[in-house]
Amino acid sequence: MQTNELVAFVTDKIDDLKGRDIVTLDVRGKSSVTEFMVICSGTSTRHAKSVAGYLAAACKKAGVQPLGIEGESSGEWVLLDLDSVVVHVMLEETRDFYQLEKLWSA
């Protein structure tokens, strides 16, 4: 799957489980570890974990093996590493605190 197709696939799957405020950031030239970041919010820790788990399962089914998943135990910030795309599923409070969009858009 090409990177742009993966970004579209990821945002579609996040939308399936009603992930909120989905933002895609192109970090090529700003990050040496990934090309795109997709950031979304969950309404609760359970919702954030569900979105990340659903996305990981959908990626595996589509033949994209996640390189890692972090933060599933707490659910405040779940990171899913898909190599060229890194997905952040965060609680709104956590997202407001870390302001990744502002950090990586500069």
PDB file of N, CA and C in Angstrom:
ATOM      1  N   MET A   1       0.861  -1.180   0.000  1.00  0.00           N
ATOM      2  CA  MET A   1       0.000   0.000   0.000  1.00  0.00           C
ATOM      3  C   MET A   1       0.906   1.242   0.000  1.00  0.00           C
ATOM      4  N   GLN A   2       0.652   2.151  -0.905  1.00  0.00           N
ATOM      5  CA  GLN A   2       1.416   3.395  -0.973  1.00  0.00           C
ATOM      6  C   GLN A   2       1.078   4.282   0.228  1.00  0.00           C
ATOM      7  N   THR A   3       1.970   5.202   0.539  1.00  0.00           N
ATOM      8  CA  THR A   3       1.797   6.058   1.716  1.00  0.00           C
ATOM      9  C   THR A   3       0.497   6.851   1.668  1.00  0.00           C
ATOM     10  N   ASN A   4       0.190   7.477   0.527  1.00  0.00           N
ATOM     11  CA  ASN A   4      -1.051   8.264   0.434  1.00  0.00           C
ATOM     12  C   ASN A   4      -2.281   7.383   0.591  1.00  0.00           C
ATOM     13  N   GLU A   5      -2.220   6.165   0.061  1.00  0.00           N
ATOM     14  CA  GLU A   5      -3.329   5.219   0.232  1.00  0.00           C
ATOM     15  C   GLU A   5      -3.465   4.811   1.692  1.00  0.00           C
ATOM     16  N   LEU A   6      -2.331   4.636   2.368  1.00  0.00           N
ATOM     17  CA  LEU A   6      -2.352   4.267   3.781  1.00  0.00           C
ATOM     18  C   LEU A   6      -2.953   5.381   4.631  1.00  0.00           C
ATOM     19  N   VAL A   7      -2.600   6.625   4.334  1.00  0.00           N
ATOM     20  CA  VAL A   7      -3.173   7.763   5.063  1.00  0.00           C
ATOM     21  C   VAL A   7      -4.690   7.779   4.894  1.00  0.00           C
ATOM     22  N   ALA A   8      -5.170   7.601   3.676  1.00  0.00           N
ATOM     23  CA  ALA A   8      -6.615   7.584   3.419  1.00  0.00           C
ATOM     24  C   ALA A   8      -7.278   6.406   4.129  1.00  0.00           C
ATOM     25  N   PHE A   9      -6.630   5.247   4.100  1.00  0.00           N
ATOM     26  CA  PHE A   9      -7.151   4.051   4.766  1.00  0.00           C
ATOM     27  C   PHE A   9      -7.269   4.295   6.269  1.00  0.00           C
ATOM     28  N   VAL A  10      -6.214   4.858   6.857  1.00  0.00           N
ATOM     29  CA  VAL A  10      -6.186   5.127   8.299  1.00  0.00           C
ATOM     30  C   VAL A  10      -7.295   6.096   8.689  1.00  0.00           C
ATOM     31  N   THR A  11      -7.426   7.203   7.965  1.00  0.00           N
ATOM     32  CA  THR A  11      -8.457   8.177   8.329  1.00  0.00           C
ATOM     33  C   THR A  11      -9.856   7.595   8.169  1.00  0.00           C
ATOM     34  N   ASP A  12     -10.045   6.761   7.158  1.00  0.00           N
ATOM     35  CA  ASP A  12     -11.341   6.102   6.961  1.00  0.00           C
ATOM     36  C   ASP A  12     -11.665   5.173   8.127  1.00  0.00           C
ATOM     37  N   LYS A  13     -10.687   4.392   8.565  1.00  0.00           N
ATOM     38  CA  LYS A  13     -10.921   3.446   9.669  1.00  0.00           C
ATOM     39  C   LYS A  13     -11.139   4.180  10.990  1.00  0.00           C
ATOM     40  N   ILE A  14     -10.433   5.279  11.198  1.00  0.00           N
ATOM     41  CA  ILE A  14     -10.664   6.083  12.410  1.00  0.00           C
ATOM     42  C   ILE A  14     -12.089   6.616  12.393  1.00  0.00           C
ATOM     43  N   ASP A  15     -12.524   7.081  11.238  1.00  0.00           N
ATOM     44  CA  ASP A  15     -13.883   7.607  11.098  1.00  0.00           C
ATOM     45  C   ASP A  15     -14.931   6.527  11.345  1.00  0.00           C
ATOM     46  N   ASP A  16     -14.614   5.277  10.973  1.00  0.00           N
ATOM     47  CA  ASP A  16     -15.541   4.160  11.218  1.00  0.00           C
ATOM     48  C   ASP A  16     -15.940   4.067  12.687  1.00  0.00           C
ATOM     49  N   LEU A  17     -14.984   4.314  13.580  1.00  0.00           N
ATOM     50  CA  LEU A  17     -15.271   4.222  15.017  1.00  0.00           C
ATOM     51  C   LEU A  17     -15.470   5.592  15.658  1.00  0.00           C
ATOM     52  N   LYS A  18     -15.771   6.582  14.821  1.00  0.00           N
ATOM     53  CA  LYS A  18     -16.117   7.922  15.292  1.00  0.00           C
ATOM     54  C   LYS A  18     -14.987   8.609  16.052  1.00  0.00           C
ATOM     55  N   GLY A  19     -13.735   8.383  15.589  1.00  0.00           N
ATOM     56  CA  GLY A  19     -12.631   9.181  16.117  1.00  0.00           C
ATOM     57  C   GLY A  19     -12.889  10.631  15.753  1.00  0.00           C
ATOM     58  N   ARG A  20     -12.585  11.535  16.648  1.00  0.00           N
ATOM     59  CA  ARG A  20     -12.944  12.943  16.452  1.00  0.00           C
ATOM     60  C   ARG A  20     -11.749  13.784  16.025  1.00  0.00           C
ATOM     61  N   ASP A  21     -12.034  14.868  15.328  1.00  0.00           N
ATOM     62  CA  ASP A  21     -11.040  15.882  14.967  1.00  0.00           C
ATOM     63  C   ASP A  21      -9.789  15.263  14.327  1.00  0.00           C
ATOM     64  N   ILE A  22      -9.997  14.532  13.245  1.00  0.00           N
ATOM     65  CA  ILE A  22      -8.894  13.852  12.559  1.00  0.00           C
ATOM     66  C   ILE A  22      -8.071  14.883  11.782  1.00  0.00           C
ATOM     67  N   VAL A  23      -6.769  14.896  12.054  1.00  0.00           N
ATOM     68  CA  VAL A  23      -5.847  15.812  11.392  1.00  0.00           C
ATOM     69  C   VAL A  23      -4.700  14.997  10.812  1.00  0.00           C
ATOM     70  N   THR A  24      -4.339  15.291   9.568  1.00  0.00           N
ATOM     71  CA  THR A  24      -3.203  14.642   8.922  1.00  0.00           C
ATOM     72  C   THR A  24      -2.101  15.677   8.737  1.00  0.00           C
ATOM     73  N   LEU A  25      -0.897  15.346   9.212  1.00  0.00           N
ATOM     74  CA  LEU A  25       0.246  16.240   9.084  1.00  0.00           C
ATOM     75  C   LEU A  25       1.309  15.603   8.201  1.00  0.00           C
ATOM     76  N   ASP A  26       1.772  16.338   7.228  1.00  0.00           N
ATOM     77  CA  ASP A  26       2.878  15.899   6.376  1.00  0.00           C
ATOM     78  C   ASP A  26       4.162  16.341   7.073  1.00  0.00           C
ATOM     79  N   VAL A  27       4.935  15.373   7.574  1.00  0.00           N
ATOM     80  CA  VAL A  27       6.155  15.697   8.317  1.00  0.00           C
ATOM     81  C   VAL A  27       7.417  15.291   7.546  1.00  0.00           C
ATOM     82  N   ARG A  28       7.257  15.080   6.242  1.00  0.00           N
ATOM     83  CA  ARG A  28       8.442  14.805   5.419  1.00  0.00           C
ATOM     84  C   ARG A  28       9.364  16.017   5.491  1.00  0.00           C
ATOM     85  N   GLY A  29      10.628  15.775   5.732  1.00  0.00           N
ATOM     86  CA  GLY A  29      11.586  16.864   5.884  1.00  0.00           C
ATOM     87  C   GLY A  29      11.671  17.400   7.298  1.00  0.00           C
ATOM     88  N   LYS A  30      10.723  17.021   8.158  1.00  0.00           N
ATOM     89  CA  LYS A  30      10.734  17.457   9.563  1.00  0.00           C
ATOM     90  C   LYS A  30      11.034  16.301  10.501  1.00  0.00           C
ATOM     91  N   SER A  31      10.761  15.088  10.050  1.00  0.00           N
ATOM     92  CA  SER A  31      10.958  13.889  10.869  1.00  0.00           C
ATOM     93  C   SER A  31      11.748  12.862  10.068  1.00  0.00           C
ATOM     94  N   SER A  32      12.645  12.193  10.750  1.00  0.00           N
ATOM     95  CA  SER A  32      13.420  11.140  10.090  1.00  0.00           C
ATOM     96  C   SER A  32      12.796   9.763  10.306  1.00  0.00           C
ATOM     97  N   VAL A  33      11.715   9.691  11.061  1.00  0.00           N
ATOM     98  CA  VAL A  33      11.127   8.388  11.387  1.00  0.00           C
ATOM     99  C   VAL A  33       9.813   8.089  10.662  1.00  0.00           C
ATOM    100  N   THR A  34       9.170   9.095  10.103  1.00  0.00           N
ATOM    101  CA  THR A  34       7.895   8.870   9.421  1.00  0.00           C
ATOM    102  C   THR A  34       7.638   9.979   8.412  1.00  0.00           C
ATOM    103  N   GLU A  35       6.674   9.757   7.540  1.00  0.00           N
ATOM    104  CA  GLU A  35       6.310  10.756   6.535  1.00  0.00           C
ATOM    105  C   GLU A  35       5.054  11.540   6.916  1.00  0.00           C
ATOM    106  N   PHE A  36       4.103  10.845   7.546  1.00  0.00           N
ATOM    107  CA  PHE A  36       2.839  11.478   7.926  1.00  0.00           C
ATOM    108  C   PHE A  36       2.476  11.112   9.355  1.00  0.00           C
ATOM    109  N   MET A  37       1.805  12.020  10.027  1.00  0.00           N
ATOM    110  CA  MET A  37       1.197  11.750  11.321  1.00  0.00           C
ATOM    111  C   MET A  37      -0.294  11.992  11.177  1.00  0.00           C
ATOM    112  N   VAL A  38      -1.063  11.079  11.737  1.00  0.00           N
ATOM    113  CA  VAL A  38      -2.509  11.246  11.798  1.00  0.00           C
ATOM    114  C   VAL A  38      -2.854  11.337  13.268  1.00  0.00           C
ATOM    115  N   ILE A  39      -3.526  12.409  13.641  1.00  0.00           N
ATOM    116  CA  ILE A  39      -3.882  12.655  15.039  1.00  0.00           C
ATOM    117  C   ILE A  39      -5.392  12.731  15.133  1.00  0.00           C
ATOM    118  N   CYS A  40      -5.941  12.052  16.140  1.00  0.00           N
ATOM    119  CA  CYS A  40      -7.383  12.134  16.369  1.00  0.00           C
ATOM    120  C   CYS A  40      -7.646  12.046  17.867  1.00  0.00           C
ATOM    121  N   SER A  41      -8.859  12.348  18.244  1.00  0.00           N
ATOM    122  CA  SER A  41      -9.253  12.307  19.646  1.00  0.00           C
ATOM    123  C   SER A  41     -10.263  11.209  19.891  1.00  0.00           C
ATOM    124  N   GLY A  42     -10.166  10.630  21.073  1.00  0.00           N
ATOM    125  CA  GLY A  42     -11.165   9.695  21.566  1.00  0.00           C
ATOM    126  C   GLY A  42     -11.950  10.361  22.680  1.00  0.00           C
ATOM    127  N   THR A  43     -13.174   9.929  22.877  1.00  0.00           N
ATOM    128  CA  THR A  43     -14.029  10.560  23.892  1.00  0.00           C
ATOM    129  C   THR A  43     -13.746  10.043  25.304  1.00  0.00           C
ATOM    130  N   SER A  44     -13.073   8.891  25.395  1.00  0.00           N
ATOM    131  CA  SER A  44     -12.726   8.294  26.698  1.00  0.00           C
ATOM    132  C   SER A  44     -11.535   7.368  26.470  1.00  0.00           C
ATOM    133  N   THR A  45     -10.942   6.886  27.543  1.00  0.00           N
ATOM    134  CA  THR A  45      -9.816   5.959  27.389  1.00  0.00           C
ATOM    135  C   THR A  45     -10.266   4.694  26.671  1.00  0.00           C
ATOM    136  N   ARG A  46     -11.445   4.221  26.981  1.00  0.00           N
ATOM    137  CA  ARG A  46     -11.974   3.026  26.309  1.00  0.00           C
ATOM    138  C   ARG A  46     -12.156   3.270  24.813  1.00  0.00           C
ATOM    139  N   HIS A  47     -12.670   4.447  24.460  1.00  0.00           N
ATOM    140  CA  HIS A  47     -12.864   4.788  23.054  1.00  0.00           C
ATOM    141  C   HIS A  47     -11.508   4.880  22.334  1.00  0.00           C
ATOM    142  N   ALA A  48     -10.528   5.534  22.936  1.00  0.00           N
ATOM    143  CA  ALA A  48      -9.201   5.666  22.328  1.00  0.00           C
ATOM    144  C   ALA A  48      -8.571   4.293  22.098  1.00  0.00           C
ATOM    145  N   LYS A  49      -8.670   3.420  23.087  1.00  0.00           N
ATOM    146  CA  LYS A  49      -8.123   2.067  22.942  1.00  0.00           C
ATOM    147  C   LYS A  49      -8.859   1.301  21.852  1.00  0.00           C
ATOM    148  N   SER A  50     -10.164   1.487  21.773  1.00  0.00           N
ATOM    149  CA  SER A  50     -10.965   0.799  20.749  1.00  0.00           C
ATOM    150  C   SER A  50     -10.608   1.263  19.345  1.00  0.00           C
ATOM    151  N   VAL A  51     -10.444   2.569  19.174  1.00  0.00           N
ATOM    152  CA  VAL A  51     -10.076   3.103  17.866  1.00  0.00           C
ATOM    153  C   VAL A  51      -8.722   2.541  17.445  1.00  0.00           C
ATOM    154  N   ALA A  52      -7.750   2.579  18.339  1.00  0.00           N
ATOM    155  CA  ALA A  52      -6.410   2.076  18.016  1.00  0.00           C
ATOM    156  C   ALA A  52      -6.426   0.576  17.745  1.00  0.00           C
ATOM    157  N   GLY A  53      -7.155  -0.179  18.536  1.00  0.00           N
ATOM    158  CA  GLY A  53      -7.240  -1.624  18.339  1.00  0.00           C
ATOM    159  C   GLY A  53      -7.915  -1.986  17.030  1.00  0.00           C
ATOM    160  N   TYR A  54      -8.997  -1.290  16.708  1.00  0.00           N
ATOM    161  CA  TYR A  54      -9.710  -1.512  15.452  1.00  0.00           C
ATOM    162  C   TYR A  54      -8.804  -1.184  14.267  1.00  0.00           C
ATOM    163  N   LEU A  55      -8.088  -0.072  14.366  1.00  0.00           N
ATOM    164  CA  LEU A  55      -7.192   0.341  13.294  1.00  0.00           C
ATOM    165  C   LEU A  55      -6.060  -0.675  13.103  1.00  0.00           C
ATOM    166  N   ALA A  56      -5.484  -1.164  14.188  1.00  0.00           N
ATOM    167  CA  ALA A  56      -4.410  -2.158  14.102  1.00  0.00           C
ATOM    168  C   ALA A  56      -4.914  -3.432  13.431  1.00  0.00           C
ATOM    169  N   ALA A  57      -6.095  -3.896  13.821  1.00  0.00           N
ATOM    170  CA  ALA A  57      -6.671  -5.110  13.229  1.00  0.00           C
ATOM    171  C   ALA A  57      -6.977  -4.908  11.749  1.00  0.00           C
ATOM    172  N   ALA A  58      -7.522  -3.736  11.384  1.00  0.00           N
ATOM    173  CA  ALA A  58      -7.844  -3.453   9.985  1.00  0.00           C
ATOM    174  C   ALA A  58      -6.570  -3.385   9.141  1.00  0.00           C
ATOM    175  N   CYS A  59      -5.517  -2.820   9.702  1.00  0.00           N
ATOM    176  CA  CYS A  59      -4.243  -2.745   8.976  1.00  0.00           C
ATOM    177  C   CYS A  59      -3.678  -4.141   8.741  1.00  0.00           C
ATOM    178  N   LYS A  60      -3.697  -4.978   9.761  1.00  0.00           N
ATOM    179  CA  LYS A  60      -3.200  -6.348   9.607  1.00  0.00           C
ATOM    180  C   LYS A  60      -3.985  -7.092   8.534  1.00  0.00           C
ATOM    181  N   LYS A  61      -5.301  -6.904   8.554  1.00  0.00           N
ATOM    182  CA  LYS A  61      -6.161  -7.561   7.567  1.00  0.00           C
ATOM    183  C   LYS A  61      -5.844  -7.079   6.146  1.00  0.00           C
ATOM    184  N   ALA A  62      -5.429  -5.814   6.026  1.00  0.00           N
ATOM    185  CA  ALA A  62      -5.089  -5.237   4.727  1.00  0.00           C
ATOM    186  C   ALA A  62      -3.633  -5.516   4.327  1.00  0.00           C
ATOM    187  N   GLY A  63      -2.924  -6.233   5.183  1.00  0.00           N
ATOM    188  CA  GLY A  63      -1.543  -6.595   4.861  1.00  0.00           C
ATOM    189  C   GLY A  63      -0.493  -5.599   5.323  1.00  0.00           C
ATOM    190  N   VAL A  64      -0.876  -4.665   6.188  1.00  0.00           N
ATOM    191  CA  VAL A  64       0.063  -3.680   6.740  1.00  0.00           C
ATOM    192  C   VAL A  64       0.298  -4.052   8.203  1.00  0.00           C
ATOM    193  N   GLN A  65       1.483  -4.534   8.496  1.00  0.00           N
ATOM    194  CA  GLN A  65       1.808  -4.962   9.853  1.00  0.00           C
ATOM    195  C   GLN A  65       2.287  -3.766  10.683  1.00  0.00           C
ATOM    196  N   PRO A  66       1.586  -3.419  11.761  1.00  0.00           N
ATOM    197  CA  PRO A  66       2.059  -2.330  12.624  1.00  0.00           C
ATOM    198  C   PRO A  66       3.421  -2.679  13.226  1.00  0.00           C
ATOM    199  N   LEU A  67       4.319  -1.699  13.251  1.00  0.00           N
ATOM    200  CA  LEU A  67       5.641  -1.901  13.831  1.00  0.00           C
ATOM    201  C   LEU A  67       5.591  -1.863  15.350  1.00  0.00           C
ATOM    202  N   GLY A  68       4.592  -1.182  15.887  1.00  0.00           N
ATOM    203  CA  GLY A  68       4.448  -1.109  17.336  1.00  0.00           C
ATOM    204  C   GLY A  68       3.205  -0.356  17.733  1.00  0.00           C
ATOM    205  N   ILE A  69       2.750  -0.662  18.942  1.00  0.00           N
ATOM    206  CA  ILE A  69       1.611   0.045  19.540  1.00  0.00           C
ATOM    207  C   ILE A  69       2.015   0.378  20.962  1.00  0.00           C
ATOM    208  N   GLU A  70       1.901   1.628  21.336  1.00  0.00           N
ATOM    209  CA  GLU A  70       2.261   2.083  22.675  1.00  0.00           C
ATOM    210  C   GLU A  70       1.075   2.780  23.322  1.00  0.00           C
ATOM    211  N   GLY A  71       0.966   2.674  24.627  1.00  0.00           N
ATOM    212  CA  GLY A  71      -0.031   3.414  25.381  1.00  0.00           C
ATOM    213  C   GLY A  71      -1.387   2.754  25.521  1.00  0.00           C
ATOM    214  N   GLU A  72      -1.507   1.494  25.086  1.00  0.00           N
ATOM    215  CA  GLU A  72      -2.807   0.820  25.170  1.00  0.00           C
ATOM    216  C   GLU A  72      -3.270   0.614  26.608  1.00  0.00           C
ATOM    217  N   SER A  73      -2.332   0.464  27.524  1.00  0.00           N
ATOM    218  CA  SER A  73      -2.741   0.186  28.903  1.00  0.00           C
ATOM    219  C   SER A  73      -3.467   1.369  29.536  1.00  0.00           C
ATOM    220  N   SER A  74      -2.988   2.599  29.272  1.00  0.00           N
ATOM    221  CA  SER A  74      -3.652   3.757  29.876  1.00  0.00           C
ATOM    222  C   SER A  74      -4.773   4.299  28.994  1.00  0.00           C
ATOM    223  N   GLY A  75      -4.541   4.326  27.679  1.00  0.00           N
ATOM    224  CA  GLY A  75      -5.564   4.816  26.759  1.00  0.00           C
ATOM    225  C   GLY A  75      -5.657   6.322  26.647  1.00  0.00           C
ATOM    226  N   GLU A  76      -4.813   7.061  27.380  1.00  0.00           N
ATOM    227  CA  GLU A  76      -4.836   8.523  27.263  1.00  0.00           C
ATOM    228  C   GLU A  76      -4.204   8.983  25.958  1.00  0.00           C
ATOM    229  N   TRP A  77      -3.180   8.223  25.512  1.00  0.00           N
ATOM    230  CA  TRP A  77      -2.483   8.533  24.272  1.00  0.00           C
ATOM    231  C   TRP A  77      -1.986   7.209  23.722  1.00  0.00           C
ATOM    232  N   VAL A  78      -2.618   6.731  22.667  1.00  0.00           N
ATOM    233  CA  VAL A  78      -2.222   5.470  22.050  1.00  0.00           C
ATOM    234  C   VAL A  78      -1.540   5.803  20.728  1.00  0.00           C
ATOM    235  N   LEU A  79      -0.325   5.301  20.558  1.00  0.00           N
ATOM    236  CA  LEU A  79       0.457   5.539  19.355  1.00  0.00           C
ATOM    237  C   LEU A  79       0.550   4.249  18.567  1.00  0.00           C
ATOM    238  N   LEU A  80       0.247   4.329  17.288  1.00  0.00           N
ATOM    239  CA  LEU A  80       0.312   3.173  16.388  1.00  0.00           C
ATOM    240  C   LEU A  80       1.313   3.507  15.284  1.00  0.00           C
ATOM    241  N   ASP A  81       2.407   2.755  15.228  1.00  0.00           N
ATOM    242  CA  ASP A  81       3.467   3.000  14.252  1.00  0.00           C
ATOM    243  C   ASP A  81       3.266   2.104  13.037  1.00  0.00           C
ATOM    244  N   LEU A  82       2.961   2.728  11.913  1.00  0.00           N
ATOM    245  CA  LEU A  82       2.764   2.008  10.648  1.00  0.00           C
ATOM    246  C   LEU A  82       3.890   2.329   9.668  1.00  0.00           C
ATOM    247  N   ASP A  83       5.052   2.696  10.182  1.00  0.00           N
ATOM    248  CA  ASP A  83       6.248   3.048   9.433  1.00  0.00           C
ATOM    249  C   ASP A  83       6.107   4.415   8.777  1.00  0.00           C
ATOM    250  N   SER A  84       5.547   4.509   7.594  1.00  0.00           N
ATOM    251  CA  SER A  84       5.445   5.800   6.912  1.00  0.00           C
ATOM    252  C   SER A  84       4.316   6.670   7.471  1.00  0.00           C
ATOM    253  N   VAL A  85       3.472   6.084   8.309  1.00  0.00           N
ATOM    254  CA  VAL A  85       2.382   6.814   8.967  1.00  0.00           C
ATOM    255  C   VAL A  85       2.389   6.448  10.448  1.00  0.00           C
ATOM    256  N   VAL A  86       2.409   7.460  11.303  1.00  0.00           N
ATOM    257  CA  VAL A  86       2.293   7.248  12.743  1.00  0.00           C
ATOM    258  C   VAL A  86       0.962   7.845  13.187  1.00  0.00           C
ATOM    259  N   VAL A  87       0.189   7.058  13.899  1.00  0.00           N
ATOM    260  CA  VAL A  87      -1.146   7.475  14.323  1.00  0.00           C
ATOM    261  C   VAL A  87      -1.147   7.736  15.832  1.00  0.00           C
ATOM    262  N   HIS A  88      -1.696   8.876  16.213  1.00  0.00           N
ATOM    263  CA  HIS A  88      -1.844   9.247  17.620  1.00  0.00           C
ATOM    264  C   HIS A  88      -3.329   9.328  17.923  1.00  0.00           C
ATOM    265  N   VAL A  89      -3.811   8.486  18.827  1.00  0.00           N
ATOM    266  CA  VAL A  89      -5.202   8.547  19.284  1.00  0.00           C
ATOM    267  C   VAL A  89      -5.134   9.038  20.725  1.00  0.00           C
ATOM    268  N   MET A  90      -5.647  10.230  20.954  1.00  0.00           N
ATOM    269  CA  MET A  90      -5.453  10.892  22.240  1.00  0.00           C
ATOM    270  C   MET A  90      -6.777  11.349  22.847  1.00  0.00           C
ATOM    271  N   LEU A  91      -6.798  11.401  24.175  1.00  0.00           N
ATOM    272  CA  LEU A  91      -7.907  12.070  24.839  1.00  0.00           C
ATOM    273  C   LEU A  91      -7.787  13.557  24.540  1.00  0.00           C
ATOM    274  N   GLU A  92      -8.898  14.253  24.530  1.00  0.00           N
ATOM    275  CA  GLU A  92      -8.896  15.684  24.198  1.00  0.00           C
ATOM    276  C   GLU A  92      -7.975  16.477  25.127  1.00  0.00           C
ATOM    277  N   GLU A  93      -8.000  16.160  26.424  1.00  0.00           N
ATOM    278  CA  GLU A  93      -7.161  16.888  27.386  1.00  0.00           C
ATOM    279  C   GLU A  93      -5.677  16.662  27.089  1.00  0.00           C
ATOM    280  N   THR A  94      -5.328  15.438  26.758  1.00  0.00           N
ATOM    281  CA  THR A  94      -3.938  15.097  26.442  1.00  0.00           C
ATOM    282  C   THR A  94      -3.516  15.793  25.158  1.00  0.00           C
ATOM    283  N   ARG A  95      -4.402  15.796  24.195  1.00  0.00           N
ATOM    284  CA  ARG A  95      -4.110  16.455  22.910  1.00  0.00           C
ATOM    285  C   ARG A  95      -3.917  17.951  23.104  1.00  0.00           C
ATOM    286  N   ASP A  96      -4.759  18.575  23.925  1.00  0.00           N
ATOM    287  CA  ASP A  96      -4.628  20.008  24.208  1.00  0.00           C
ATOM    288  C   ASP A  96      -3.310  20.309  24.910  1.00  0.00           C
ATOM    289  N   PHE A  97      -2.897  19.416  25.798  1.00  0.00           N
ATOM    290  CA  PHE A  97      -1.672  19.633  26.563  1.00  0.00           C
ATOM    291  C   PHE A  97      -0.422  19.551  25.689  1.00  0.00           C
ATOM    292  N   TYR A  98      -0.333  18.523  24.853  1.00  0.00           N
ATOM    293  CA  TYR A  98       0.875  18.299  24.051  1.00  0.00           C
ATOM    294  C   TYR A  98       0.906  19.074  22.741  1.00  0.00           C
ATOM    295  N   GLN A  99      -0.237  19.437  22.198  1.00  0.00           N
ATOM    296  CA  GLN A  99      -0.350  20.276  20.999  1.00  0.00           C
ATOM    297  C   GLN A  99       0.581  19.820  19.873  1.00  0.00           C
ATOM    298  N   LEU A 100       0.453  18.543  19.498  1.00  0.00           N
ATOM    299  CA  LEU A 100       1.305  17.997  18.439  1.00  0.00           C
ATOM    300  C   LEU A 100       1.110  18.718  17.102  1.00  0.00           C
ATOM    301  N   GLU A 101      -0.110  19.130  16.815  1.00  0.00           N
ATOM    302  CA  GLU A 101      -0.364  19.832  15.550  1.00  0.00           C
ATOM    303  C   GLU A 101       0.485  21.102  15.485  1.00  0.00           C
ATOM    304  N   LYS A 102       0.535  21.826  16.566  1.00  0.00           N
ATOM    305  CA  LYS A 102       1.308  23.075  16.610  1.00  0.00           C
ATOM    306  C   LYS A 102       2.803  22.770  16.521  1.00  0.00           C
ATOM    307  N   LEU A 103       3.243  21.751  17.215  1.00  0.00           N
ATOM    308  CA  LEU A 103       4.658  21.378  17.222  1.00  0.00           C
ATOM    309  C   LEU A 103       5.148  20.976  15.832  1.00  0.00           C
ATOM    310  N   TRP A 104       4.374  20.134  15.135  1.00  0.00           N
ATOM    311  CA  TRP A 104       4.824  19.608  13.850  1.00  0.00           C
ATOM    312  C   TRP A 104       4.418  20.462  12.661  1.00  0.00           C
ATOM    313  N   SER A 105       3.566  21.456  12.852  1.00  0.00           N
ATOM    314  CA  SER A 105       3.169  22.333  11.752  1.00  0.00           C
ATOM    315  C   SER A 105       4.117  23.507  11.587  1.00  0.00           C
ATOM    316  N   ALA A 106       4.921  23.746  12.595  1.00  0.00           N
ATOM    317  CA  ALA A 106       5.846  24.918  12.574  1.00  0.00           C
ATOM    318  C   ALA A 106       6.936  24.761  11.538  1.00  0.00           C
TER     319      ALA A 106
END
